[in-house]
Amino acid sequence: MKNSFLIAGVDEAGRGPLVGSVFAAAVILPPSYHLPGLTDSKKLSEKKRDTLAVLIKEQALAWCVAQADPQEIFELNILHATMLAMSRAVHGLAIKPDKVFIDGNRVPKALGVDAEAVVKGDSKIMEISAASVLAKTARDAEMYALAERYPQYGFDKHKGYGTAQHLEALQRYGVLPEHRRDFAPVKALLAQGKLFE
């Protein structure tokens, strides 16, 4: 492989939660790059992810974080919104890669570059691991911002997942504009007219 052959890794964060955007990141690392401790973001502590995210942004040849918002998730469904965020991340790279490796078992359409899906890629390919860290830290940042606006929902604790705490807050305070309207628990409350006031 020539040194000029550039690989981009792509991963997403936030497919499962009931609120907020789904995020994706694309990262091109320098050839023979090594970053100790870099692995699938789910296996890292939040502090470690935050530290690695800064290093990745400083040292990557190119990186881009993109998202699809709750309205797009509602209109497209979560799978297609995730694919949209991934393709936005790839198209947002300042350098065009020669090959893209995407975590999972699907490749977004119209990437305009050779692409391959890799199951559990975030623990096999360093570029995907780096993308998983950037996507997750961006998604967490959105949850912290929401927690400041709506402290009663506890977004800083559960990160928007359908935990008992989150479901109880939804029941008590109603559905926010940022909630995903087609996700079952949210949909059920909307049918009862439970909107945040």
C-alpha atoms as a PDB file:
ATOM      1  CA  MET A   1       0.000   0.000   0.000  1.00  0.00           C
ATOM      2  CA  LYS A   2       1.405   3.374  -1.013  1.00  0.00           C
ATOM      3  CA  ASN A   3       1.657   6.018   1.672  1.00  0.00           C
ATOM      4  CA  SER A   4      -0.626   8.193  -0.406  1.00  0.00           C
ATOM      5  CA  PHE A   5      -3.485   5.649  -0.191  1.00  0.00           C
ATOM      6  CA  LEU A   6      -5.826   7.316   2.272  1.00  0.00           C
ATOM      7  CA  ILE A   7      -8.345   5.422   4.362  1.00  0.00           C
ATOM      8  CA  ALA A   8     -11.289   7.068   6.093  1.00  0.00           C
ATOM      9  CA  GLY A   9     -13.089   5.374   8.969  1.00  0.00           C
ATOM     10  CA  VAL A  10     -16.750   6.155   9.653  1.00  0.00           C
ATOM     11  CA  ASP A  11     -18.881   5.439  12.709  1.00  0.00           C
ATOM     12  CA  GLU A  12     -22.058   6.744  14.317  1.00  0.00           C
ATOM     13  CA  ALA A  13     -23.347   7.469  17.810  1.00  0.00           C
ATOM     14  CA  GLY A  14     -26.849   7.909  19.119  1.00  0.00           C
ATOM     15  CA  ARG A  15     -29.028   5.526  17.125  1.00  0.00           C
ATOM     16  CA  GLY A  16     -30.833   4.150  20.175  1.00  0.00           C
ATOM     17  CA  PRO A  17     -31.711   7.183  22.340  1.00  0.00           C
ATOM     18  CA  LEU A  18     -35.169   8.761  22.430  1.00  0.00           C
ATOM     19  CA  VAL A  19     -33.945  12.325  22.006  1.00  0.00           C
ATOM     20  CA  GLY A  20     -31.535  14.425  19.975  1.00  0.00           C
ATOM     21  CA  SER A  21     -29.614  13.953  16.751  1.00  0.00           C
ATOM     22  CA  VAL A  22     -27.777  10.912  15.459  1.00  0.00           C
ATOM     23  CA  PHE A  23     -24.118  11.762  14.893  1.00  0.00           C
ATOM     24  CA  ALA A  24     -21.518  10.350  12.519  1.00  0.00           C
ATOM     25  CA  ALA A  25     -17.835  11.045  12.113  1.00  0.00           C
ATOM     26  CA  ALA A  26     -15.339  10.370   9.346  1.00  0.00           C
ATOM     27  CA  VAL A  27     -11.603  10.392  10.064  1.00  0.00           C
ATOM     28  CA  ILE A  28      -8.479  10.051   7.910  1.00  0.00           C
ATOM     29  CA  LEU A  29      -5.381   9.313   9.991  1.00  0.00           C
ATOM     30  CA  PRO A  30      -1.763   9.703   8.838  1.00  0.00           C
ATOM     31  CA  PRO A  31      -0.191   6.500   7.418  1.00  0.00           C
ATOM     32  CA  SER A  32       1.340   4.236  10.131  1.00  0.00           C
ATOM     33  CA  TYR A  33      -0.360   6.362  12.782  1.00  0.00           C
ATOM     34  CA  HIS A  34      -0.486   5.010  16.322  1.00  0.00           C
ATOM     35  CA  LEU A  35      -2.488   6.416  19.217  1.00  0.00           C
ATOM     36  CA  PRO A  36      -2.116   4.377  22.421  1.00  0.00           C
ATOM     37  CA  GLY A  37      -5.424   3.478  24.044  1.00  0.00           C
ATOM     38  CA  LEU A  38      -7.534   4.093  20.947  1.00  0.00           C
ATOM     39  CA  THR A  39     -10.327   1.524  20.594  1.00  0.00           C
ATOM     40  CA  ASP A  40     -14.100   1.321  20.265  1.00  0.00           C
ATOM     41  CA  SER A  41     -15.450   4.385  22.118  1.00  0.00           C
ATOM     42  CA  LYS A  42     -17.931   2.218  24.081  1.00  0.00           C
ATOM     43  CA  LYS A  43     -14.972   0.528  25.792  1.00  0.00           C
ATOM     44  CA  LEU A  44     -13.444   3.827  26.927  1.00  0.00           C
ATOM     45  CA  SER A  45     -14.261   6.021  29.908  1.00  0.00           C
ATOM     46  CA  GLU A  46     -15.752   9.418  29.135  1.00  0.00           C
ATOM     47  CA  LYS A  47     -12.578  11.132  30.359  1.00  0.00           C
ATOM     48  CA  LYS A  48     -10.407   8.963  28.086  1.00  0.00           C
ATOM     49  CA  ARG A  49     -12.719   9.622  25.101  1.00  0.00           C
ATOM     50  CA  ASP A  50     -12.502  13.375  25.676  1.00  0.00           C
ATOM     51  CA  THR A  51      -8.685  13.228  25.821  1.00  0.00           C
ATOM     52  CA  LEU A  52      -8.447  11.073  22.684  1.00  0.00           C
ATOM     53  CA  ALA A  53     -10.914  13.287  20.788  1.00  0.00           C
ATOM     54  CA  VAL A  54      -8.634  16.307  21.231  1.00  0.00           C
ATOM     55  CA  LEU A  55      -5.590  14.324  20.001  1.00  0.00           C
ATOM     56  CA  ILE A  56      -7.484  12.886  17.017  1.00  0.00           C
ATOM     57  CA  LYS A  57      -8.648  16.339  15.922  1.00  0.00           C
ATOM     58  CA  GLU A  58      -5.104  17.700  16.250  1.00  0.00           C
ATOM     59  CA  GLN A  59      -3.347  14.815  14.507  1.00  0.00           C
ATOM     60  CA  ALA A  60      -5.770  13.504  11.863  1.00  0.00           C
ATOM     61  CA  LEU A  61      -5.145  14.444   8.227  1.00  0.00           C
ATOM     62  CA  ALA A  62      -8.866  15.235   7.998  1.00  0.00           C
ATOM     63  CA  TRP A  63     -11.962  14.747  10.128  1.00  0.00           C
ATOM     64  CA  CYS A  64     -15.616  15.725  10.001  1.00  0.00           C
ATOM     65  CA  VAL A  65     -18.507  15.271  12.414  1.00  0.00           C
ATOM     66  CA  ALA A  66     -22.031  15.479  10.974  1.00  0.00           C
ATOM     67  CA  GLN A  67     -25.534  14.785  12.223  1.00  0.00           C
ATOM     68  CA  ALA A  68     -29.138  14.165  11.272  1.00  0.00           C
ATOM     69  CA  ASP A  69     -31.601  15.939  13.555  1.00  0.00           C
ATOM     70  CA  PRO A  70     -34.814  14.602  15.172  1.00  0.00           C
ATOM     71  CA  GLN A  71     -36.952  15.985  12.326  1.00  0.00           C
ATOM     72  CA  GLU A  72     -34.855  14.106   9.758  1.00  0.00           C
ATOM     73  CA  ILE A  73     -35.005  10.967  11.914  1.00  0.00           C
ATOM     74  CA  PHE A  74     -38.800  11.312  11.959  1.00  0.00           C
ATOM     75  CA  GLU A  75     -39.032  11.842   8.190  1.00  0.00           C
ATOM     76  CA  LEU A  76     -36.493   9.218   7.091  1.00  0.00           C
ATOM     77  CA  ASN A  77     -36.458   6.701  10.016  1.00  0.00           C
ATOM     78  CA  ILE A  78     -33.402   6.146  12.193  1.00  0.00           C
ATOM     79  CA  LEU A  79     -31.558   3.852   9.780  1.00  0.00           C
ATOM     80  CA  HIS A  80     -31.773   6.227   6.813  1.00  0.00           C
ATOM     81  CA  ALA A  81     -31.037   9.247   9.015  1.00  0.00           C
ATOM     82  CA  THR A  82     -27.897   7.456  10.246  1.00  0.00           C
ATOM     83  CA  MET A  83     -26.836   6.780   6.646  1.00  0.00           C
ATOM     84  CA  LEU A  84     -27.455  10.466   5.846  1.00  0.00           C
ATOM     85  CA  ALA A  85     -25.250  11.594   8.773  1.00  0.00           C
ATOM     86  CA  MET A  86     -22.515   9.179   7.644  1.00  0.00           C
ATOM     87  CA  SER A  87     -22.564  10.419   4.069  1.00  0.00           C
ATOM     88  CA  ARG A  88     -22.495  14.044   5.303  1.00  0.00           C
ATOM     89  CA  ALA A  89     -19.413  13.206   7.379  1.00  0.00           C
ATOM     90  CA  VAL A  90     -17.615  11.634   4.400  1.00  0.00           C
ATOM     91  CA  HIS A  91     -18.558  14.485   2.049  1.00  0.00           C
ATOM     92  CA  GLY A  92     -17.432  16.980   4.710  1.00  0.00           C
ATOM     93  CA  LEU A  93     -13.830  15.718   4.759  1.00  0.00           C
ATOM     94  CA  ALA A  94     -11.317  18.287   3.507  1.00  0.00           C
ATOM     95  CA  ILE A  95      -9.406  15.488   1.719  1.00  0.00           C
ATOM     96  CA  LYS A  96     -11.081  12.831  -0.413  1.00  0.00           C
ATOM     97  CA  PRO A  97     -10.121   9.340   0.796  1.00  0.00           C
ATOM     98  CA  ASP A  98      -9.250   6.451  -1.544  1.00  0.00           C
ATOM     99  CA  LYS A  99     -11.283   4.017   0.515  1.00  0.00           C
ATOM    100  CA  VAL A 100     -13.889   4.303   3.264  1.00  0.00           C
ATOM    101  CA  PHE A 101     -14.462   1.683   5.945  1.00  0.00           C
ATOM    102  CA  ILE A 102     -17.809   1.975   7.720  1.00  0.00           C
ATOM    103  CA  ASP A 103     -18.658   0.356  11.031  1.00  0.00           C
ATOM    104  CA  GLY A 104     -21.581  -2.047  10.725  1.00  0.00           C
ATOM    105  CA  ASN A 105     -23.139  -3.967   7.861  1.00  0.00           C
ATOM    106  CA  ARG A 106     -24.373  -1.207   5.537  1.00  0.00           C
ATOM    107  CA  VAL A 107     -22.801   1.360   3.262  1.00  0.00           C
ATOM    108  CA  PRO A 108     -24.580   4.697   2.663  1.00  0.00           C
ATOM    109  CA  LYS A 109     -25.514   5.381  -0.963  1.00  0.00           C
ATOM    110  CA  ALA A 110     -23.798   8.003  -3.132  1.00  0.00           C
ATOM    111  CA  LEU A 111     -20.556   8.327  -1.186  1.00  0.00           C
ATOM    112  CA  GLY A 112     -18.649   8.801  -4.438  1.00  0.00           C
ATOM    113  CA  VAL A 113     -15.751   6.691  -3.146  1.00  0.00           C
ATOM    114  CA  ASP A 114     -14.934   2.981  -2.753  1.00  0.00           C
ATOM    115  CA  ALA A 115     -16.550   1.900   0.531  1.00  0.00           C
ATOM    116  CA  GLU A 116     -16.869  -1.245   2.588  1.00  0.00           C
ATOM    117  CA  ALA A 117     -18.892  -2.087   5.698  1.00  0.00           C
ATOM    118  CA  VAL A 118     -16.988  -3.827   8.505  1.00  0.00           C
ATOM    119  CA  VAL A 119     -18.930  -5.502  11.325  1.00  0.00           C
ATOM    120  CA  LYS A 120     -17.368  -4.563  14.684  1.00  0.00           C
ATOM    121  CA  GLY A 121     -15.034  -2.312  12.707  1.00  0.00           C
ATOM    122  CA  ASP A 122     -14.651   0.040  15.670  1.00  0.00           C
ATOM    123  CA  SER A 123     -12.443  -2.555  17.390  1.00  0.00           C
ATOM    124  CA  LYS A 124     -10.621  -3.679  14.202  1.00  0.00           C
ATOM    125  CA  ILE A 125      -9.751  -0.558  12.197  1.00  0.00           C
ATOM    126  CA  MET A 126      -8.065   2.417  13.853  1.00  0.00           C
ATOM    127  CA  GLU A 127      -9.741   4.986  11.593  1.00  0.00           C
ATOM    128  CA  ILE A 128     -13.177   3.648  12.612  1.00  0.00           C
ATOM    129  CA  SER A 129     -12.148   3.677  16.291  1.00  0.00           C
ATOM    130  CA  ALA A 130     -11.158   7.334  15.891  1.00  0.00           C
ATOM    131  CA  ALA A 131     -14.482   8.111  14.186  1.00  0.00           C
ATOM    132  CA  SER A 132     -16.381   6.354  16.995  1.00  0.00           C
ATOM    133  CA  VAL A 133     -14.660   8.584  19.572  1.00  0.00           C
ATOM    134  CA  LEU A 134     -15.475  11.802  17.680  1.00  0.00           C
ATOM    135  CA  ALA A 135     -19.097  10.789  17.052  1.00  0.00           C
ATOM    136  CA  LYS A 136     -19.650   9.785  20.684  1.00  0.00           C
ATOM    137  CA  THR A 137     -18.071  12.918  22.177  1.00  0.00           C
ATOM    138  CA  ALA A 138     -20.146  15.124  19.824  1.00  0.00           C
ATOM    139  CA  ARG A 139     -23.318  13.261  20.762  1.00  0.00           C
ATOM    140  CA  ASP A 140     -22.500  13.589  24.498  1.00  0.00           C
ATOM    141  CA  ALA A 141     -21.877  17.328  24.052  1.00  0.00           C
ATOM    142  CA  GLU A 142     -25.386  17.667  22.602  1.00  0.00           C
ATOM    143  CA  MET A 143     -26.804  15.847  25.641  1.00  0.00           C
ATOM    144  CA  TYR A 144     -24.951  18.137  28.070  1.00  0.00           C
ATOM    145  CA  ALA A 145     -26.332  21.167  26.228  1.00  0.00           C
ATOM    146  CA  LEU A 146     -29.859  19.723  26.466  1.00  0.00           C
ATOM    147  CA  ALA A 147     -29.311  18.984  30.169  1.00  0.00           C
ATOM    148  CA  GLU A 148     -28.588  22.673  30.748  1.00  0.00           C
ATOM    149  CA  ARG A 149     -31.786  23.697  28.986  1.00  0.00           C
ATOM    150  CA  TYR A 150     -33.970  20.993  30.563  1.00  0.00           C
ATOM    151  CA  PRO A 151     -32.293  19.921  33.825  1.00  0.00           C
ATOM    152  CA  GLN A 152     -35.380  18.016  34.999  1.00  0.00           C
ATOM    153  CA  TYR A 153     -34.880  15.322  32.323  1.00  0.00           C
ATOM    154  CA  GLY A 154     -31.401  14.190  33.472  1.00  0.00           C
ATOM    155  CA  PHE A 155     -29.869  14.051  29.988  1.00  0.00           C
ATOM    156  CA  ASP A 156     -26.363  14.394  31.462  1.00  0.00           C
ATOM    157  CA  LYS A 157     -26.927  11.091  33.304  1.00  0.00           C
ATOM    158  CA  HIS A 158     -28.676   8.798  30.784  1.00  0.00           C
ATOM    159  CA  LYS A 159     -27.571  10.537  27.549  1.00  0.00           C
ATOM    160  CA  GLY A 160     -31.086  10.293  26.137  1.00  0.00           C
ATOM    161  CA  TYR A 161     -31.490   6.517  26.352  1.00  0.00           C
ATOM    162  CA  GLY A 162     -34.848   5.127  27.482  1.00  0.00           C
ATOM    163  CA  THR A 163     -33.861   4.530  31.100  1.00  0.00           C
ATOM    164  CA  ALA A 164     -36.397   4.450  33.937  1.00  0.00           C
ATOM    165  CA  GLN A 165     -35.299   7.991  34.910  1.00  0.00           C
ATOM    166  CA  HIS A 166     -35.834   9.298  31.375  1.00  0.00           C
ATOM    167  CA  LEU A 167     -39.209   7.571  30.919  1.00  0.00           C
ATOM    168  CA  GLU A 168     -40.385   8.932  34.265  1.00  0.00           C
ATOM    169  CA  ALA A 169     -39.341  12.477  33.280  1.00  0.00           C
ATOM    170  CA  LEU A 170     -41.121  12.100  29.929  1.00  0.00           C
ATOM    171  CA  GLN A 171     -44.290  10.993  31.704  1.00  0.00           C
ATOM    172  CA  ARG A 172     -44.039  13.812  34.212  1.00  0.00           C
ATOM    173  CA  TYR A 173     -42.926  16.765  32.063  1.00  0.00           C
ATOM    174  CA  GLY A 174     -43.992  15.744  28.563  1.00  0.00           C
ATOM    175  CA  VAL A 175     -42.335  15.443  25.157  1.00  0.00           C
ATOM    176  CA  LEU A 176     -39.743  18.033  24.133  1.00  0.00           C
ATOM    177  CA  PRO A 177     -39.331  19.342  20.571  1.00  0.00           C
ATOM    178  CA  GLU A 178     -35.965  17.495  20.579  1.00  0.00           C
ATOM    179  CA  HIS A 179     -37.532  14.105  21.276  1.00  0.00           C
ATOM    180  CA  ARG A 180     -37.791  11.578  18.433  1.00  0.00           C
ATOM    181  CA  ARG A 181     -41.489  11.507  17.658  1.00  0.00           C
ATOM    182  CA  ASP A 182     -41.565   8.072  15.997  1.00  0.00           C
ATOM    183  CA  PHE A 183     -39.780   6.216  18.832  1.00  0.00           C
ATOM    184  CA  ALA A 184     -42.366   4.086  20.691  1.00  0.00           C
ATOM    185  CA  PRO A 185     -42.337   5.625  24.215  1.00  0.00           C
ATOM    186  CA  VAL A 186     -42.418   9.154  22.765  1.00  0.00           C
ATOM    187  CA  LYS A 187     -45.088   8.267  20.205  1.00  0.00           C
ATOM    188  CA  ALA A 188     -47.312   6.810  22.956  1.00  0.00           C
ATOM    189  CA  LEU A 189     -47.085  10.011  25.023  1.00  0.00           C
ATOM    190  CA  LEU A 190     -47.753  12.211  21.985  1.00  0.00           C
ATOM    191  CA  ALA A 191     -50.919  10.202  21.352  1.00  0.00           C
ATOM    192  CA  GLN A 192     -52.006  11.244  24.864  1.00  0.00           C
ATOM    193  CA  GLY A 193     -51.160  14.876  24.100  1.00  0.00           C
ATOM    194  CA  LYS A 194     -48.332  14.994  26.643  1.00  0.00           C
ATOM    195  CA  LEU A 195     -46.209  17.882  25.422  1.00  0.00           C
ATOM    196  CA  PHE A 196     -43.650  19.834  27.413  1.00  0.00           C
ATOM    197  CA  GLU A 197     -45.086  23.152  28.578  1.00  0.00           C
END
